[in-house]
Amino acid sequence: MIEITSLTNETVKEMVKLRQKKFRAETGLFLIEGNKAVEEAISAGVVLTKVFVEKPEDISGYLNSGIEIIKTNEAVLKKISTTDTPPSIVAAGIQKTISDEWISTAKRVVLLEGIKDAGNLGTILRTAPAFGIDGVILYKDTVDIYNPKCVRSSVGNLWKNNISVIDDLNKLKNLLKEFTKIGTLPVQDNAVYLSGYNFPEKSCVFFGSEAEGLSEELKGITDTNITIEMTNSVESLNLALSAGIIMYKMRLI
């Protein structure tokens, strides 16, 4: 075990760079903040390269795991961490390989298009396995799943999801050819109420961006559209909340 307490140490600087999408893409690494998130990552088979920890006794179970353990102080953890109050442990992990193979055998799939808020994405990725969703497709310009805020918001559930990243419409249509494609739209856009809708055996629900909703491109390939009925006093719901409500009903497939 080595000790690093300098804020200008090169290893510390490399960890700080993992806040940036560009550097995460170049290195294939990402930040994991907090003891629970680190434990969940290890349990899910995520390979950790470095662990910065203030109290080595907090990770006594990892000391002989081959992971590089670095004893440090609160100042360094605050420098690396993306939170106002730094956790007692911050690690660098190797990003998992993303594949499309799971889609062919899936029944419940969620597609997210152009999601900008990493917190929303993390919350959806936390909720999806709770309701038996088989996987999530990220379509065009959706925030990076390894954004630190997304990793934190998923609360250790990021690794429990099958995830695909798709940019091409023709590829998407081919992968979803056996699915009923369901858009989420306002009621005035010929959408049926969720309460009266029964999901087919293989369903993929499309959710658009927080500000703009579904693109015309994706609206053009949906088989049907649904909406969540609400009182007239509320115009819309938060994206992650809407997705959670719909995924809850999807669990019945």
Protein backbone atom coordinates (compact mmCIF):
# COMPACT_ATOMS: atom_id res chain seq x y z
CA MET A 1 0.00 0.00 0.00
CA ILE A 2 1.30 3.44 -0.90
CA GLU A 3 0.35 6.81 0.56
CA ILE A 4 -0.46 9.94 -1.44
CA THR A 5 -1.40 13.18 0.29
CA SER A 6 -0.30 15.79 -2.26
CA LEU A 7 -2.96 17.50 -4.37
CA THR A 8 -0.43 17.94 -7.19
CA ASN A 9 0.51 14.27 -7.40
CA GLU A 10 0.25 12.95 -10.98
CA THR A 11 -1.92 9.98 -9.96
CA VAL A 12 -4.35 12.37 -8.29
CA LYS A 13 -4.42 14.53 -11.43
CA GLU A 14 -5.22 11.46 -13.55
CA MET A 15 -8.11 10.59 -11.25
CA VAL A 16 -9.48 14.14 -11.47
CA LYS A 17 -9.43 13.93 -15.27
CA LEU A 18 -11.93 11.05 -15.10
CA ARG A 19 -14.62 13.67 -14.51
CA GLN A 20 -14.28 14.46 -18.23
CA LYS A 21 -16.03 12.34 -20.86
CA LYS A 22 -13.10 12.73 -23.26
CA PHE A 23 -10.62 11.33 -20.76
CA ARG A 24 -12.96 8.50 -19.77
CA ALA A 25 -13.25 7.55 -23.44
CA GLU A 26 -9.47 7.67 -23.93
CA THR A 27 -8.64 5.56 -20.89
CA GLY A 28 -11.69 3.29 -20.62
CA LEU A 29 -11.85 4.16 -16.92
CA PHE A 30 -14.43 5.91 -14.73
CA LEU A 31 -14.90 7.18 -11.17
CA ILE A 32 -16.72 5.27 -8.44
CA GLU A 33 -17.46 7.28 -5.30
CA GLY A 34 -18.47 5.89 -1.94
CA ASN A 35 -18.05 2.58 -0.13
CA LYS A 36 -21.40 1.10 -1.17
CA ALA A 37 -20.82 1.90 -4.85
CA VAL A 38 -17.34 0.35 -4.70
CA GLU A 39 -18.70 -2.79 -3.02
CA GLU A 40 -21.50 -3.11 -5.61
CA ALA A 41 -19.03 -2.65 -8.44
CA ILE A 42 -16.72 -5.38 -7.16
CA SER A 43 -19.70 -7.72 -6.61
CA ALA A 44 -20.79 -7.12 -10.21
CA GLY A 45 -17.36 -7.95 -11.57
CA VAL A 46 -16.18 -4.44 -12.34
CA VAL A 47 -12.39 -4.41 -12.36
CA LEU A 48 -10.93 -1.65 -10.18
CA THR A 49 -7.48 -0.25 -10.95
CA LYS A 50 -7.03 2.13 -8.02
CA VAL A 51 -8.76 2.79 -4.73
CA PHE A 52 -8.09 5.97 -2.73
CA VAL A 53 -9.15 5.56 0.88
CA GLU A 54 -8.71 7.58 4.06
CA LYS A 55 -9.07 4.62 6.42
CA PRO A 56 -7.65 1.38 4.98
CA GLU A 57 -9.60 -0.63 7.56
CA ASP A 58 -12.76 0.38 5.65
CA ILE A 59 -11.65 -1.84 2.78
CA SER A 60 -9.85 -4.60 4.62
CA GLY A 61 -11.59 -7.15 2.42
CA TYR A 62 -9.93 -5.77 -0.72
CA LEU A 63 -6.35 -5.60 0.56
CA ASN A 64 -5.35 -8.93 -1.02
CA SER A 65 -7.44 -8.54 -4.17
CA GLY A 66 -4.69 -7.19 -6.41
CA ILE A 67 -6.27 -3.72 -6.51
CA GLU A 68 -3.85 -0.84 -5.96
CA ILE A 69 -4.84 0.61 -2.58
CA ILE A 70 -3.73 4.19 -1.92
CA LYS A 71 -3.98 5.66 1.57
CA THR A 72 -4.82 9.34 1.39
CA ASN A 73 -6.47 12.22 3.24
CA GLU A 74 -9.71 14.19 3.07
CA ALA A 75 -8.15 16.96 0.96
CA VAL A 76 -7.18 14.54 -1.83
CA LEU A 77 -10.55 12.79 -1.72
CA LYS A 78 -12.26 16.19 -2.01
CA LYS A 79 -10.03 17.03 -4.98
CA ILE A 80 -10.95 13.81 -6.79
CA SER A 81 -14.60 13.54 -5.79
CA THR A 82 -17.42 15.30 -7.63
CA THR A 83 -19.51 15.74 -4.46
CA ASP A 84 -19.55 18.68 -2.05
CA THR A 85 -18.85 16.33 0.85
CA PRO A 86 -16.23 13.82 -0.27
CA PRO A 87 -16.77 10.12 0.48
CA SER A 88 -14.19 8.16 2.43
CA ILE A 89 -13.34 6.10 -0.66
CA VAL A 90 -12.99 6.87 -4.37
CA ALA A 91 -11.96 4.31 -6.99
CA ALA A 92 -11.16 4.08 -10.69
CA GLY A 93 -12.84 1.20 -12.51
CA ILE A 94 -12.62 -0.26 -16.00
CA GLN A 95 -15.72 0.37 -18.11
CA LYS A 96 -17.65 -2.76 -19.02
CA THR A 97 -17.94 -3.80 -22.67
CA ILE A 98 -21.27 -2.73 -24.17
CA SER A 99 -23.07 -5.25 -26.40
CA ASP A 100 -26.35 -5.55 -28.33
CA GLU A 101 -26.63 -9.34 -27.95
CA TRP A 102 -29.08 -9.19 -25.05
CA ILE A 103 -31.78 -7.46 -27.13
CA SER A 104 -32.81 -10.55 -29.10
CA THR A 105 -33.94 -12.45 -26.00
CA ALA A 106 -35.36 -9.47 -24.09
CA LYS A 107 -39.05 -8.76 -23.47
CA ARG A 108 -39.02 -5.44 -21.60
CA VAL A 109 -36.78 -2.76 -23.09
CA VAL A 110 -36.53 0.97 -22.48
CA LEU A 111 -35.03 3.37 -25.02
CA LEU A 112 -33.76 6.80 -23.97
CA GLU A 113 -33.17 9.44 -26.64
CA GLY A 114 -31.10 12.55 -26.06
CA ILE A 115 -31.25 12.49 -22.24
CA LYS A 116 -29.13 15.39 -20.97
CA ASP A 117 -29.46 15.12 -17.19
CA ALA A 118 -27.04 12.56 -15.75
CA GLY A 119 -29.11 12.38 -12.57
CA ASN A 120 -32.20 11.41 -14.55
CA LEU A 121 -30.27 8.73 -16.41
CA GLY A 122 -28.80 7.32 -13.21
CA THR A 123 -32.22 7.22 -11.54
CA ILE A 124 -33.72 5.38 -14.52
CA LEU A 125 -30.85 2.89 -14.48
CA ARG A 126 -31.47 2.39 -10.77
CA THR A 127 -35.20 1.81 -11.32
CA ALA A 128 -35.02 -0.47 -14.37
CA PRO A 129 -33.70 -3.64 -12.66
CA ALA A 130 -36.11 -3.10 -9.76
CA PHE A 131 -39.04 -3.57 -12.16
CA GLY A 132 -37.57 -6.37 -14.26
CA ILE A 133 -36.58 -4.33 -17.30
CA ASP A 134 -34.28 -6.48 -19.42
CA GLY A 135 -32.16 -3.63 -20.70
CA VAL A 136 -31.82 -0.02 -21.74
CA ILE A 137 -30.94 1.41 -25.15
CA LEU A 138 -29.27 4.83 -25.26
CA TYR A 139 -30.03 6.49 -28.59
CA LYS A 140 -28.19 9.52 -29.97
CA ASP A 141 -26.64 12.19 -27.76
CA THR A 142 -27.71 10.67 -24.44
CA VAL A 143 -25.41 11.54 -21.55
CA ASP A 144 -22.54 9.14 -20.84
CA ILE A 145 -23.50 6.39 -18.39
CA TYR A 146 -20.08 6.80 -16.77
CA ASN A 147 -20.67 10.46 -15.97
CA PRO A 148 -19.94 10.62 -12.21
CA LYS A 149 -23.41 12.01 -11.44
CA CYS A 150 -25.02 9.13 -13.34
CA VAL A 151 -22.87 6.57 -11.53
CA ARG A 152 -23.83 8.11 -8.16
CA SER A 153 -27.54 8.39 -9.01
CA SER A 154 -27.71 4.74 -10.04
CA VAL A 155 -26.65 3.85 -6.46
CA GLY A 156 -24.73 0.75 -7.44
CA ASN A 157 -27.32 -0.47 -9.96
CA LEU A 158 -25.52 0.67 -13.09
CA TRP A 159 -23.85 -2.73 -13.44
CA LYS A 160 -27.18 -4.59 -13.08
CA ASN A 161 -28.44 -3.34 -16.46
CA ASN A 162 -27.90 -4.55 -19.99
CA ILE A 163 -27.07 -1.36 -21.90
CA SER A 164 -26.64 -0.66 -25.62
CA VAL A 165 -25.56 2.57 -27.27
CA ILE A 166 -27.00 3.05 -30.77
CA ASP A 167 -26.68 6.00 -33.16
CA ASP A 168 -28.05 4.58 -36.41
CA LEU A 169 -31.81 4.43 -37.09
CA ASN A 170 -31.61 1.48 -39.48
CA LYS A 171 -29.63 -0.53 -36.96
CA LEU A 172 -32.18 0.35 -34.29
CA LYS A 173 -35.12 -0.73 -36.46
CA ASN A 174 -33.41 -4.03 -37.23
CA LEU A 175 -32.68 -4.76 -33.57
CA LEU A 176 -36.28 -3.94 -32.59
CA LYS A 177 -38.07 -5.62 -35.50
CA GLU A 178 -39.72 -8.17 -33.20
CA PHE A 179 -40.77 -5.56 -30.63
CA THR A 180 -43.85 -3.41 -30.34
CA LYS A 181 -42.36 0.09 -30.32
CA ILE A 182 -44.20 2.40 -27.93
CA GLY A 183 -43.70 6.15 -27.82
CA THR A 184 -44.35 8.31 -24.75
CA LEU A 185 -46.18 11.45 -25.88
CA PRO A 186 -48.68 14.03 -24.60
CA VAL A 187 -52.31 12.90 -24.76
CA GLN A 188 -53.10 15.32 -27.58
CA ASP A 189 -50.66 13.46 -29.85
CA ASN A 190 -52.96 10.45 -30.33
CA ALA A 191 -51.59 8.72 -27.24
CA VAL A 192 -53.62 6.25 -25.18
CA TYR A 193 -53.68 6.33 -21.40
CA LEU A 194 -51.23 4.06 -19.61
CA SER A 195 -53.95 2.80 -17.24
CA GLY A 196 -55.84 1.18 -20.11
CA TYR A 197 -52.82 -0.14 -22.01
CA ASN A 198 -51.59 -3.73 -21.86
CA PHE A 199 -48.01 -4.17 -22.97
CA PRO A 200 -47.37 -6.85 -25.63
CA GLU A 201 -44.98 -9.69 -24.82
CA LYS A 202 -42.01 -7.93 -26.43
CA SER A 203 -42.21 -4.18 -25.81
CA CYS A 204 -39.77 -1.32 -26.18
CA VAL A 205 -40.85 2.03 -24.74
CA PHE A 206 -39.26 5.20 -26.15
CA PHE A 207 -38.56 8.18 -23.87
CA GLY A 208 -37.38 11.48 -25.35
CA SER A 209 -35.23 14.24 -23.91
CA GLU A 210 -36.30 16.33 -20.94
CA ALA A 211 -36.79 19.50 -23.00
CA GLU A 212 -37.87 18.29 -26.42
CA GLY A 213 -39.41 14.86 -26.00
CA LEU A 214 -39.19 12.28 -28.77
CA SER A 215 -37.74 13.29 -32.12
CA GLU A 216 -39.81 13.11 -35.28
CA GLU A 217 -37.44 10.36 -36.39
CA LEU A 218 -38.48 8.06 -33.55
CA LYS A 219 -42.12 9.12 -33.63
CA GLY A 220 -42.10 7.83 -37.19
CA ILE A 221 -41.32 4.24 -36.20
CA THR A 222 -43.58 3.78 -33.17
CA ASP A 223 -46.46 1.32 -33.37
CA THR A 224 -48.48 3.08 -30.69
CA ASN A 225 -48.10 5.90 -28.17
CA ILE A 226 -48.97 6.09 -24.48
CA THR A 227 -49.30 8.86 -21.90
CA ILE A 228 -49.71 9.00 -18.12
CA GLU A 229 -53.03 10.48 -17.11
CA MET A 230 -52.72 13.41 -14.69
CA THR A 231 -54.88 16.14 -13.21
CA ASN A 232 -55.24 19.28 -15.28
CA SER A 233 -53.31 21.29 -12.70
CA VAL A 234 -50.00 19.60 -13.62
CA GLU A 235 -48.47 20.02 -17.06
CA SER A 236 -45.77 17.35 -16.96
CA LEU A 237 -43.74 14.99 -14.79
CA ASN A 238 -40.01 14.62 -14.30
CA LEU A 239 -38.58 12.22 -16.89
CA ALA A 240 -37.18 9.73 -14.37
CA LEU A 241 -40.49 9.67 -12.48
CA SER A 242 -42.47 9.12 -15.69
CA ALA A 243 -40.14 6.31 -16.71
CA GLY A 244 -40.49 4.71 -13.28
CA ILE A 245 -44.29 4.71 -13.47
CA ILE A 246 -44.28 3.14 -16.92
CA MET A 247 -41.61 0.58 -16.04
CA TYR A 248 -43.65 -0.41 -13.00
CA LYS A 249 -46.52 -1.38 -15.28
CA MET A 250 -44.20 -3.06 -17.79
CA ARG A 251 -43.19 -5.55 -15.10
CA LEU A 252 -46.50 -7.36 -15.74
CA ILE A 253 -45.32 -8.62 -19.14
